[in-house]
Structure formats: structure tokens, C-alpha cells
Amino acid sequence: MMSDSTEHGSSLDSPRSIIKEEDIKYSWDDVDKHRSVDDCWMVIEGKVYDVTPWVSKHPGGQLIMNGAGRDATPLFVSYHPLHTQQMLPKFQIGVLEDYQPYYQWQTEFYVTMKRRVEEIVKRHNLRSDSKEMFFKTFILALLWSAAYYYAYTSGTIIASILLGLAHGQIGIQVAHDGNHGSYSKRPWLSRLAAISMDLMGASSLNWEMQHNVGHHPNSNRKGDYYNEDYDPDAKSGHPFIRLTPNHEWKPMHRYQHIYVWPLFALVGLKWLYGDFRSLIQRRYQTFVYWDVSAMYVVWSLLSKGLFFFYAFGVFAQAYGLWHGWWMFFFFLAAQSYVFILMFGVNHLTEDSEFPNETSSERDWAKLQVLTASNFAIGSRFWLWMSGGLNYQIEHHLFPYICHMYLPYISSAVRQTCKEYNVQYSEFDSYWGALSSYATHIKNLGTEGDKKAS
């Protein structure tokens, strides 16, 4: 059954006409057709909402479009405080046919934790902008500029590597928060931070599909590839690399603990190719874009051109085509290692769980804890160096909080996990987490497919 959004009332401030929404049923195909800013539907806990009147007023700006035309439940529950639930009835237009969720959402565990965290957010005004975050951005911009100048004037591979490291830091520190809308309470400023990813050569739109829509809702999960209920990060490198016990083992995986490290250097090149493919197909793997404008695609292509100009063209013109290529390669390789070695240690360790269709645990919030791990809690150095990824558990449960504020809520998250007997995994140091990551990769290769059986 289809319905025009104005039929149910387009005024944000007035309640909808009295209607038994439970009697109006929609299919996924119905919902899928409404993915634009002028016609935006989404599903939250099995109910269908037409949020078109709210799109332009959404405090998080265009992030609301991440949920357009799909199941937006995990995005809604993780980004919004509990009282926001009261706003939903005025937008409901029906229910979804045969809604069979894998996860349990608003459980006692998560509601208890959210109440505690929301009190801390209010007490410490954590929805305000972090001056330290802005200062960090300034420092990173200076470091990147200095590294670029050094690379341009010296033409050395070492300089290219330093530039790549600075590049990667901007990605995990600034762009990551920007794409979550947690960089600033001002949507335009968070969007500007997100766009830094486009200028870095990656697509912020693709990142939102892969990271916000794919990875965060389905951390480490092997689900249905065609129904947007799997973690694309856990599938990275497959079949050459086996990162989870849910994926088929192949004889070559016996040696993955050796060949995986040089392969990681190619991740940046893979992103560049993948972005072009996704922009043409208007989706990341099976995660379909919302109806972005043609100008958005043009911007993505222009930013790619700008990236190739300053990351390759400038050096090729100054030092020759072949030398420019090697500078470009080592620049991308260094950036790749920053992303891989920071994000990988958060979900792929010996303690991590990997949900699939046979898993008994279905509490979404508990699985966010069980599929992640922290490291070097309390270290200001690693808070700065990792972009708050050393508080990965807290980040996954509350992605709207700027990473500089994550230490404030850590004790509440840990306390709730202890009360509900949920394992809260952490390593004393980054090196402990990295060692466990390496051991995990080796175990999945040398143990064959025992863990998958």
C-alpha cells in the first residue's frame, strides 16, 4: 500500500489525523521508494514513519537521510535520547508487513545505561562544542601543511609517509566525528568536518553508508548480504583475508598472518576504485544511497580530481611521473595503515564476538559491547592519537557524542555492564590490543574452519 505524505498531514506542529496505523501495512518495497529529502520514509521498530516534514528541521542536519527508505531503528536508538521517542507517533503512517527483527532494541540494559549517560551529558553539557576538538583540528591542519611542504620540497619517500600519517589522522580524528554528526552541535560545521574526507580522496557519502548504516548497526555480524543486515567491515578483504569465524576458511588463509600486513598498504587504492564504482551504482555494496542530488555526485568527482592533483599531480610535475607515483603510493599506504591499525584493534581481537543467525544473544546494545574492545582507558595521549577509538565501546553505544567527551561516560557504561553481567573488554595498552588483533588473524588462518562450524 502506498500513501502520499500529505495525506497524513504535513504540519510538524499538529498531530496526525486519528487513524489506526496498525491497520495500514506497507512492504519493504513501499518504504524503499521514499528516499529523498522531499519524500522521506523510514522504519523504526517495525513501524513506518513519514518524516518528510521533519527533515529540514532535524537537529542533526542531513544525517537523518542515512535512515531514508530503510530500517532506521539502530540509528534512531543510538543517536537520540529517550524522550525523543515521544515525537514519533505524529509521524507514524502504518506498520511494516512481516517485520522480523534480528535484534532486541529498547531493552532494560540499554535503557538503564542511556538514562545514566543522558544525565552525565546534561550535567557536563556534552552536547556543546568541544574547544579541545577545535584546537586538535587546528594542530592537525598545521601538521598536514608542514608535512605537505616537506614532501614537496624534499621529494623523499619518508616525507610522503609522514604526509600519509598526517592525512590518516585527520580522517580518524576530524572526518570520523564529522560523519557521525558529533564534531559539533552545529550541523553545518559537522558537515564541513565530514567533507574533509572527500578532500582526502575518500567519499564521505560512501563512508556514511559503510560505517553509519552498515558497520555500526551490525557490528561484526554476518547477516543477509542483500538485506543490509551485515557488517561490511567484517567482510573486508574477503576471500583473501578471513577476519571473522563466520566466513569460509580457505587453505591460503594459513599464511594470512604473513601476507595480510603488506596487503593492508593497498587499502587506500581499493577505496579510490571502490568509490568510483559506488558513485556510478549509487550504492555501497548493497547499501543503497538516499536520493542524493546530481550536484553531490559532481562534488564527489571534483574532490577526487582535486585529491589526485595535490597527492599525485603536483609531485609528478616536480619530480617526474615515476617518482611521483612512488610518492603517491607510500602516501596512500601510510594513510591506510592509520585506518587499519586503529579501527581493526577495536573489533577483531581474541575477545570479540561475531553474531550470526544461530547466535542466542540478540540484545543490540549488549552486542555492541561484546563485539568491541577498548584500550589504554584514561590515557590522554591515546585519546588524542586514536580519535577516541580507545573508547570504542562507548562510541558504538553513543555515536553522537564527540570523542573528546567519551571519557566522561565511560564509568557509567562500565558500571551498567558489570550490573548486567556483560563482558566489557579492554586492553591496558594499544600494543596489547594490536597483539590480540594479530593473534586473532593468525588463529583464523591456522585453525581452519573450526570456529565457523
Protein backbone atom coordinates (compact mmCIF):
# COMPACT_ATOMS: atom_id res chain seq x y z
CA MET A 1 0.00 0.00 0.00
CA MET A 2 1.32 3.40 -0.92
CA SER A 3 0.47 6.75 0.54
CA ASP A 4 1.30 10.36 -0.26
CA SER A 5 2.97 12.11 2.67
CA THR A 6 0.49 14.99 2.62
CA GLU A 7 -2.40 12.58 3.04
CA HIS A 8 -1.37 12.00 6.63
CA GLY A 9 -0.81 15.65 7.44
CA SER A 10 2.31 17.65 6.61
CA SER A 11 2.30 20.01 9.59
CA LEU A 12 5.02 19.27 12.10
CA ASP A 13 3.24 21.06 14.95
CA SER A 14 -0.18 19.48 14.64
CA PRO A 15 -0.99 15.83 15.41
CA ARG A 16 -1.89 13.48 12.63
CA SER A 17 -5.42 12.65 11.83
CA ILE A 18 -6.80 9.98 14.09
CA ILE A 19 -6.05 6.74 12.34
CA LYS A 20 -5.40 3.17 13.29
CA GLU A 21 -1.89 2.97 11.91
CA GLU A 22 -1.68 -0.72 12.79
CA ASP A 23 -4.32 -1.38 10.13
CA ILE A 24 -2.21 0.21 7.39
CA LYS A 25 0.55 -2.12 6.27
CA TYR A 26 3.47 -1.44 3.98
CA SER A 27 6.07 -3.65 2.37
CA TRP A 28 9.82 -3.01 2.21
CA ASP A 29 9.33 -2.17 -1.47
CA ASP A 30 6.89 0.57 -0.47
CA VAL A 31 9.31 2.09 2.02
CA ASP A 32 12.25 1.82 -0.38
CA LYS A 33 10.58 4.23 -2.82
CA HIS A 34 10.75 7.13 -0.36
CA ARG A 35 14.42 8.10 -0.06
CA SER A 36 14.52 11.83 -0.86
CA VAL A 37 14.54 14.98 1.27
CA ASP A 38 11.12 15.79 -0.18
CA ASP A 39 9.70 12.34 0.44
CA CYS A 40 11.37 10.51 3.32
CA TRP A 41 10.04 7.37 4.97
CA MET A 42 11.77 5.07 7.39
CA VAL A 43 11.09 2.10 9.64
CA ILE A 44 11.69 2.21 13.39
CA GLU A 45 10.92 -0.93 15.41
CA GLY A 46 8.50 -2.21 12.80
CA LYS A 47 6.51 1.00 12.43
CA VAL A 48 6.58 3.09 9.26
CA TYR A 49 7.11 6.83 9.58
CA ASP A 50 6.85 9.63 7.06
CA VAL A 51 9.38 12.13 8.46
CA THR A 52 9.37 14.42 5.42
CA PRO A 53 8.15 17.48 7.42
CA TRP A 54 10.97 16.96 9.93
CA VAL A 55 13.89 16.58 7.51
CA SER A 56 14.57 20.32 7.16
CA LYS A 57 14.23 20.82 10.93
CA HIS A 58 16.33 17.84 12.04
CA PRO A 59 18.93 19.00 14.60
CA GLY A 60 21.48 16.62 13.08
CA GLY A 61 21.07 18.06 9.59
CA GLN A 62 21.25 15.65 6.66
CA LEU A 63 22.24 12.70 8.88
CA ILE A 64 18.54 11.89 9.05
CA MET A 65 18.83 10.78 5.43
CA ASN A 66 21.01 7.84 6.46
CA GLY A 67 17.77 6.21 7.56
CA ALA A 68 15.73 7.08 4.47
CA GLY A 69 13.95 4.14 2.86
CA ARG A 70 15.36 1.54 5.28
CA ASP A 71 15.23 0.20 8.83
CA ALA A 72 16.47 3.20 10.80
CA THR A 73 15.98 1.61 14.21
CA PRO A 74 19.65 1.31 15.23
CA LEU A 75 20.37 4.84 14.02
CA PHE A 76 17.40 6.22 15.94
CA VAL A 77 18.03 4.45 19.24
CA SER A 78 21.78 5.15 19.33
CA TYR A 79 21.67 8.81 18.29
CA HIS A 80 18.63 10.07 20.19
CA PRO A 81 17.83 10.49 23.88
CA LEU A 82 14.96 8.52 25.35
CA HIS A 83 12.48 11.40 25.36
CA THR A 84 12.70 11.67 21.56
CA GLN A 85 10.52 8.56 21.40
CA GLN A 86 7.56 10.79 22.27
CA MET A 87 7.85 12.61 18.94
CA LEU A 88 7.37 9.53 16.81
CA PRO A 89 3.57 8.96 16.93
CA LYS A 90 2.79 12.15 14.99
CA PHE A 91 4.83 10.81 12.06
CA GLN A 92 3.57 7.23 12.00
CA ILE A 93 1.64 6.22 8.90
CA GLY A 94 1.49 2.46 9.35
CA VAL A 95 3.37 -0.70 10.16
CA LEU A 96 5.71 -2.93 8.20
CA GLU A 97 4.47 -6.26 6.91
CA ASP A 98 6.16 -9.32 8.40
CA TYR A 99 8.63 -7.31 10.47
CA GLN A 100 11.01 -9.86 11.99
CA PRO A 101 13.88 -8.04 13.68
CA TYR A 102 17.13 -9.82 14.44
CA TYR A 103 17.86 -7.53 17.40
CA GLN A 104 16.07 -6.53 20.57
CA TRP A 105 16.33 -2.77 20.86
CA GLN A 106 14.99 -0.89 23.86
CA THR A 107 16.00 -3.46 26.48
CA GLU A 108 16.30 -2.87 30.21
CA PHE A 109 20.09 -2.97 29.85
CA TYR A 110 20.24 -0.22 27.24
CA VAL A 111 17.50 1.95 28.74
CA THR A 112 19.24 1.87 32.13
CA MET A 113 22.55 2.78 30.53
CA LYS A 114 21.00 5.56 28.42
CA ARG A 115 19.37 7.17 31.44
CA ARG A 116 22.70 7.27 33.24
CA VAL A 117 24.59 8.59 30.23
CA GLU A 118 21.96 11.19 29.43
CA GLU A 119 22.25 12.51 32.98
CA ILE A 120 26.02 12.83 32.52
CA VAL A 121 25.53 14.53 29.14
CA LYS A 122 23.20 17.05 30.75
CA ARG A 123 25.38 17.59 33.83
CA HIS A 124 28.56 18.23 31.85
CA ASN A 125 26.87 19.86 28.84
CA LEU A 126 28.38 17.29 26.49
CA ARG A 127 26.20 18.37 23.61
CA SER A 128 28.15 21.61 23.46
CA ASP A 129 31.13 22.02 21.17
CA SER A 130 34.49 20.82 22.43
CA LYS A 131 37.10 23.57 22.28
CA GLU A 132 39.74 20.89 22.59
CA MET A 133 38.35 19.26 19.46
CA PHE A 134 38.67 22.52 17.56
CA PHE A 135 42.21 23.01 18.88
CA LYS A 136 43.10 19.48 17.79
CA THR A 137 41.75 20.22 14.31
CA PHE A 138 43.96 23.31 14.12
CA ILE A 139 47.04 21.33 15.19
CA LEU A 140 46.31 18.58 12.66
CA ALA A 141 45.89 21.15 9.88
CA LEU A 142 49.26 22.64 10.79
CA LEU A 143 50.93 19.22 10.85
CA TRP A 144 49.41 18.28 7.50
CA SER A 145 50.53 21.58 5.93
CA ALA A 146 54.06 21.15 7.30
CA ALA A 147 54.19 17.54 6.06
CA TYR A 148 52.98 18.58 2.61
CA TYR A 149 55.56 21.35 2.39
CA TYR A 150 58.27 18.90 3.44
CA ALA A 151 57.13 16.35 0.84
CA TYR A 152 57.02 18.97 -1.91
CA THR A 153 60.40 20.48 -1.15
CA SER A 154 62.26 17.24 -0.42
CA GLY A 155 60.58 14.72 -2.70
CA THR A 156 61.53 11.90 -0.35
CA ILE A 157 59.61 8.74 0.43
CA ILE A 158 59.97 9.45 4.15
CA ALA A 159 58.22 12.79 3.64
CA SER A 160 55.42 11.05 1.72
CA ILE A 161 54.93 8.61 4.59
CA LEU A 162 54.76 11.46 7.10
CA LEU A 163 52.18 13.19 4.91
CA GLY A 164 50.14 9.98 4.78
CA LEU A 165 50.24 9.64 8.56
CA ALA A 166 49.00 13.22 8.99
CA HIS A 167 46.34 12.55 6.34
CA GLY A 168 45.12 9.46 8.17
CA GLN A 169 44.97 11.32 11.48
CA ILE A 170 42.63 13.90 10.00
CA GLY A 171 40.45 11.02 8.84
CA ILE A 172 40.10 9.27 12.20
CA GLN A 173 40.01 12.47 14.24
CA VAL A 174 38.01 15.03 12.26
CA ALA A 175 36.21 13.28 9.39
CA HIS A 176 35.07 10.35 11.54
CA ASP A 177 33.37 12.61 14.07
CA GLY A 178 32.03 14.82 11.28
CA ASN A 179 30.31 11.94 9.53
CA HIS A 180 28.70 10.92 12.81
CA GLY A 181 27.50 14.48 13.39
CA SER A 182 29.42 14.53 16.67
CA TYR A 183 32.11 17.03 15.67
CA SER A 184 29.89 20.00 16.54
CA LYS A 185 26.35 20.77 17.66
CA ARG A 186 26.12 22.91 14.51
CA PRO A 187 25.18 20.58 11.62
CA TRP A 188 26.97 22.71 9.03
CA LEU A 189 30.22 22.51 10.99
CA SER A 190 29.97 18.75 11.38
CA ARG A 191 29.22 18.55 7.67
CA LEU A 192 32.33 20.61 6.93
CA ALA A 193 34.37 18.18 9.04
CA ALA A 194 32.79 15.27 7.15
CA ILE A 195 33.67 16.84 3.80
CA SER A 196 37.33 16.76 4.80
CA MET A 197 37.07 13.06 3.95
CA ASP A 198 36.14 13.93 0.36
CA LEU A 199 39.14 16.23 0.15
CA MET A 200 41.26 13.35 1.46
CA GLY A 201 40.30 11.25 -1.56
CA ALA A 202 37.57 9.15 0.04
CA SER A 203 33.82 9.64 -0.32
CA SER A 204 32.01 10.88 2.78
CA LEU A 205 28.75 9.53 1.34
CA ASN A 206 30.27 6.09 0.91
CA TRP A 207 31.68 6.28 4.42
CA GLU A 208 28.23 7.04 5.82
CA MET A 209 26.77 4.03 4.00
CA GLN A 210 29.61 1.70 5.01
CA HIS A 211 30.19 2.97 8.53
CA ASN A 212 27.00 4.61 9.83
CA VAL A 213 24.43 2.43 8.05
CA GLY A 214 26.38 -0.82 7.70
CA HIS A 215 29.02 -1.25 10.38
CA HIS A 216 27.52 0.48 13.43
CA PRO A 217 24.08 -1.18 13.32
CA ASN A 218 25.54 -4.64 12.56
CA SER A 219 28.88 -4.75 14.30
CA ASN A 220 30.78 -7.98 13.36
CA ARG A 221 27.54 -9.59 12.19
CA LYS A 222 27.18 -11.99 9.33
CA GLY A 223 23.67 -11.40 8.05
CA ASP A 224 21.92 -11.40 4.70
CA TYR A 225 24.14 -9.67 2.15
CA TYR A 226 21.12 -8.49 0.17
CA ASN A 227 19.10 -7.14 3.10
CA GLU A 228 21.55 -4.58 4.54
CA ASP A 229 21.91 -6.53 7.79
CA TYR A 230 25.60 -7.43 7.80
CA ASP A 231 28.80 -5.64 8.78
CA PRO A 232 30.71 -4.67 5.63
CA ASP A 233 33.87 -4.04 7.67
CA ALA A 234 33.97 -7.65 8.88
CA LYS A 235 33.75 -8.71 5.24
CA SER A 236 36.68 -6.52 4.16
CA GLY A 237 39.36 -8.33 2.22
CA HIS A 238 37.27 -11.48 1.78
CA PRO A 239 38.07 -14.01 0.36
CA PHE A 240 41.79 -13.18 0.54
CA ILE A 241 41.62 -12.36 4.25
CA ARG A 242 39.45 -14.15 6.78
CA LEU A 243 38.65 -11.66 9.53
CA THR A 244 35.79 -13.48 11.26
CA PRO A 245 34.93 -17.12 12.03
CA ASN A 246 31.65 -16.58 10.15
CA HIS A 247 33.44 -16.62 6.80
CA GLU A 248 34.59 -19.65 4.88
CA TRP A 249 38.12 -20.85 5.51
CA LYS A 250 40.43 -21.44 2.54
CA PRO A 251 43.88 -23.08 2.52
CA MET A 252 45.60 -19.80 1.68
CA HIS A 253 44.42 -18.37 5.00
CA ARG A 254 47.08 -20.46 6.73
CA TYR A 255 49.51 -17.76 5.64
CA GLN A 256 47.32 -14.69 6.10
CA HIS A 257 49.13 -13.66 9.27
CA ILE A 258 52.16 -13.12 7.00
CA TYR A 259 50.71 -11.62 3.83
CA VAL A 260 47.99 -9.51 5.47
CA TRP A 261 50.39 -6.79 6.60
CA PRO A 262 51.71 -5.79 3.15
CA LEU A 263 48.17 -6.17 1.74
CA PHE A 264 46.92 -3.52 4.17
CA ALA A 265 49.06 -0.99 2.29
CA LEU A 266 46.66 -1.32 -0.68
CA VAL A 267 43.51 -0.36 1.23
CA GLY A 268 43.74 3.28 0.13
CA LEU A 269 43.92 2.29 -3.53
CA LYS A 270 40.97 -0.06 -3.03
CA TRP A 271 38.94 2.82 -1.59
CA LEU A 272 39.67 5.02 -4.58
CA TYR A 273 38.48 2.36 -7.02
CA GLY A 274 35.51 1.39 -4.85
CA ASP A 275 34.30 4.97 -4.55
CA PHE A 276 34.06 5.42 -8.31
CA ARG A 277 32.14 2.15 -8.64
CA SER A 278 29.76 3.08 -5.83
CA LEU A 279 29.09 6.57 -7.20
CA ILE A 280 28.11 5.04 -10.54
CA GLN A 281 25.91 2.37 -8.93
CA ARG A 282 24.51 4.77 -6.29
CA ARG A 283 25.18 2.30 -3.50
CA TYR A 284 27.95 0.93 -1.31
CA GLN A 285 27.89 -2.83 -1.83
CA THR A 286 24.18 -3.45 -1.13
CA PHE A 287 23.64 -0.31 0.96
CA VAL A 288 21.63 1.96 -1.34
CA TYR A 289 22.23 5.72 -1.30
CA TRP A 290 19.42 8.05 -0.43
CA ASP A 291 18.36 10.15 -3.44
CA VAL A 292 21.35 12.49 -3.49
CA SER A 293 21.35 15.31 -6.00
CA ALA A 294 23.45 15.33 -9.15
CA MET A 295 25.49 18.16 -7.62
CA TYR A 296 26.50 15.85 -4.79
CA VAL A 297 27.88 13.35 -7.27
CA VAL A 298 29.62 16.16 -9.16
CA TRP A 299 31.20 17.34 -5.91
CA SER A 300 32.41 13.82 -5.16
CA LEU A 301 34.07 13.60 -8.57
CA LEU A 302 35.57 17.08 -8.34
CA SER A 303 37.01 16.35 -4.90
CA LYS A 304 38.54 13.16 -6.28
CA GLY A 305 40.15 15.21 -9.04
CA LEU A 306 41.50 17.70 -6.52
CA PHE A 307 42.92 14.86 -4.44
CA PHE A 308 44.74 13.33 -7.42
CA PHE A 309 46.07 16.77 -8.31
CA TYR A 310 47.68 17.54 -4.95
CA ALA A 311 48.56 13.95 -3.97
CA PHE A 312 50.00 12.85 -7.31
CA GLY A 313 49.99 15.56 -9.98
CA VAL A 314 51.99 18.13 -8.03
CA PHE A 315 54.71 15.62 -7.12
CA ALA A 316 54.75 14.10 -10.62
CA GLN A 317 55.23 17.55 -12.15
CA ALA A 318 58.01 18.39 -9.72
CA TYR A 319 59.90 15.08 -9.69
CA GLY A 320 58.77 13.14 -12.72
CA LEU A 321 55.94 10.68 -13.34
CA TRP A 322 57.62 7.59 -11.92
CA HIS A 323 58.90 9.24 -8.75
CA GLY A 324 55.55 10.99 -8.29
CA TRP A 325 53.83 7.61 -8.44
CA TRP A 326 56.02 6.18 -5.68
CA MET A 327 55.41 9.23 -3.50
CA PHE A 328 51.68 8.79 -4.10
CA PHE A 329 51.84 5.08 -3.28
CA PHE A 330 53.68 5.48 0.03
CA PHE A 331 51.45 8.40 0.95
CA LEU A 332 48.35 6.20 0.46
CA ALA A 333 49.98 3.23 2.20
CA ALA A 334 50.75 5.26 5.33
CA GLN A 335 47.19 6.58 5.40
CA SER A 336 45.87 3.02 5.02
CA TYR A 337 47.85 1.75 7.99
CA VAL A 338 46.50 4.54 10.21
CA PHE A 339 42.92 3.47 9.46
CA ILE A 340 43.52 -0.28 9.60
CA LEU A 341 45.65 -0.31 12.73
CA MET A 342 43.26 1.95 14.64
CA PHE A 343 39.88 0.54 13.60
CA GLY A 344 40.95 -3.10 13.39
CA VAL A 345 42.05 -3.44 17.01
CA ASN A 346 38.59 -2.32 18.17
CA HIS A 347 36.55 -5.21 16.79
CA LEU A 348 38.85 -8.01 15.68
CA THR A 349 40.53 -9.39 18.77
CA GLU A 350 40.53 -12.70 20.63
CA ASP A 351 37.72 -11.46 22.90
CA SER A 352 35.42 -10.24 20.12
CA GLU A 353 32.12 -11.93 19.36
CA PHE A 354 30.80 -12.46 15.85
CA PRO A 355 26.99 -12.72 15.70
CA ASN A 356 25.23 -14.81 13.07
CA GLU A 357 21.79 -16.35 12.60
CA THR A 358 22.44 -19.04 15.23
CA SER A 359 23.59 -16.64 17.96
CA SER A 360 21.47 -16.70 21.10
CA GLU A 361 22.25 -13.13 22.17
CA ARG A 362 20.02 -10.64 20.36
CA ASP A 363 20.20 -7.60 22.66
CA TRP A 364 21.58 -4.96 20.28
CA ALA A 365 23.26 -2.88 23.00
CA LYS A 366 24.88 -5.92 24.61
CA LEU A 367 26.22 -6.99 21.23
CA GLN A 368 27.69 -3.54 20.68
CA VAL A 369 29.69 -4.15 23.84
CA LEU A 370 30.56 -7.77 23.08
CA THR A 371 31.78 -7.06 19.56
CA ALA A 372 34.07 -4.18 20.57
CA SER A 373 37.00 -3.58 22.88
CA ASN A 374 38.75 -0.58 24.40
CA PHE A 375 42.42 0.09 25.04
CA ALA A 376 44.50 2.48 27.15
CA ILE A 377 41.49 3.84 29.03
CA GLY A 378 42.37 7.05 30.81
CA SER A 379 45.28 7.90 28.50
CA ARG A 380 45.08 11.43 27.13
CA PHE A 381 47.76 10.54 24.62
CA TRP A 382 45.74 7.73 23.07
CA LEU A 383 42.52 9.74 23.26
CA TRP A 384 44.26 12.27 21.01
CA MET A 385 46.11 9.79 18.82
CA SER A 386 43.21 7.42 18.19
CA GLY A 387 40.41 9.94 17.77
CA GLY A 388 38.68 8.41 20.79
CA LEU A 389 38.76 4.92 19.27
CA ASN A 390 40.32 3.72 22.53
CA TYR A 391 36.75 4.20 23.87
CA GLN A 392 35.18 2.17 21.08
CA ILE A 393 32.51 0.55 23.25
CA GLU A 394 31.21 3.94 24.38
CA HIS A 395 31.41 5.30 20.85
CA HIS A 396 29.32 2.46 19.41
CA LEU A 397 26.63 2.85 22.04
CA PHE A 398 26.54 6.67 21.83
CA PRO A 399 27.96 7.76 18.44
CA TYR A 400 26.50 11.27 18.75
CA ILE A 401 28.98 12.20 21.50
CA CYS A 402 32.20 13.93 20.42
CA HIS A 403 35.14 11.61 21.01
CA MET A 404 36.81 14.13 23.32
CA TYR A 405 33.86 13.65 25.71
CA LEU A 406 33.79 9.84 25.73
CA PRO A 407 35.86 9.54 28.96
CA TYR A 408 33.02 11.29 30.82
CA ILE A 409 30.55 8.48 30.13
CA SER A 410 32.93 5.51 30.40
CA SER A 411 32.30 4.80 34.08
CA ALA A 412 28.51 4.70 33.58
CA VAL A 413 28.86 2.28 30.67
CA ARG A 414 31.26 0.08 32.59
CA GLN A 415 29.05 0.09 35.71
CA THR A 416 25.95 -0.92 33.73
CA CYS A 417 27.85 -3.73 32.02
CA LYS A 418 29.01 -5.02 35.40
CA GLU A 419 25.48 -4.93 36.85
CA TYR A 420 24.05 -6.85 33.89
CA ASN A 421 26.97 -9.27 33.65
CA VAL A 422 28.04 -8.13 30.18
CA GLN A 423 31.72 -8.58 29.38
CA TYR A 424 33.42 -5.19 28.96
CA SER A 425 36.62 -5.94 27.06
CA GLU A 426 39.62 -3.63 27.40
CA PHE A 427 43.38 -3.77 26.98
CA ASP A 428 45.84 -1.93 29.19
CA SER A 429 47.68 -0.55 26.18
CA TYR A 430 47.36 -0.11 22.44
CA TRP A 431 50.11 -2.65 21.96
CA GLY A 432 48.13 -5.24 23.89
CA ALA A 433 45.16 -4.64 21.59
CA LEU A 434 47.38 -4.81 18.49
CA SER A 435 48.92 -8.08 19.70
CA SER A 436 45.46 -9.59 20.22
CA TYR A 437 44.45 -8.38 16.74
CA ALA A 438 47.47 -10.11 15.20
CA THR A 439 46.78 -13.30 17.17
CA HIS A 440 43.13 -13.25 16.06
CA ILE A 441 44.15 -13.05 12.39
CA LYS A 442 46.63 -15.88 12.83
CA ASN A 443 44.15 -18.09 14.70
CA LEU A 444 41.50 -17.71 11.99
CA GLY A 445 44.04 -18.81 9.41
CA THR A 446 45.77 -21.67 11.19
CA GLU A 447 42.72 -23.16 12.89
CA GLY A 448 40.97 -23.78 9.61
CA ASP A 449 37.20 -23.54 9.71
CA LYS A 450 36.76 -24.99 13.22
CA LYS A 451 35.38 -21.72 14.63
CA ALA A 452 32.86 -21.44 11.84
CA SER A 453 31.45 -24.91 12.45
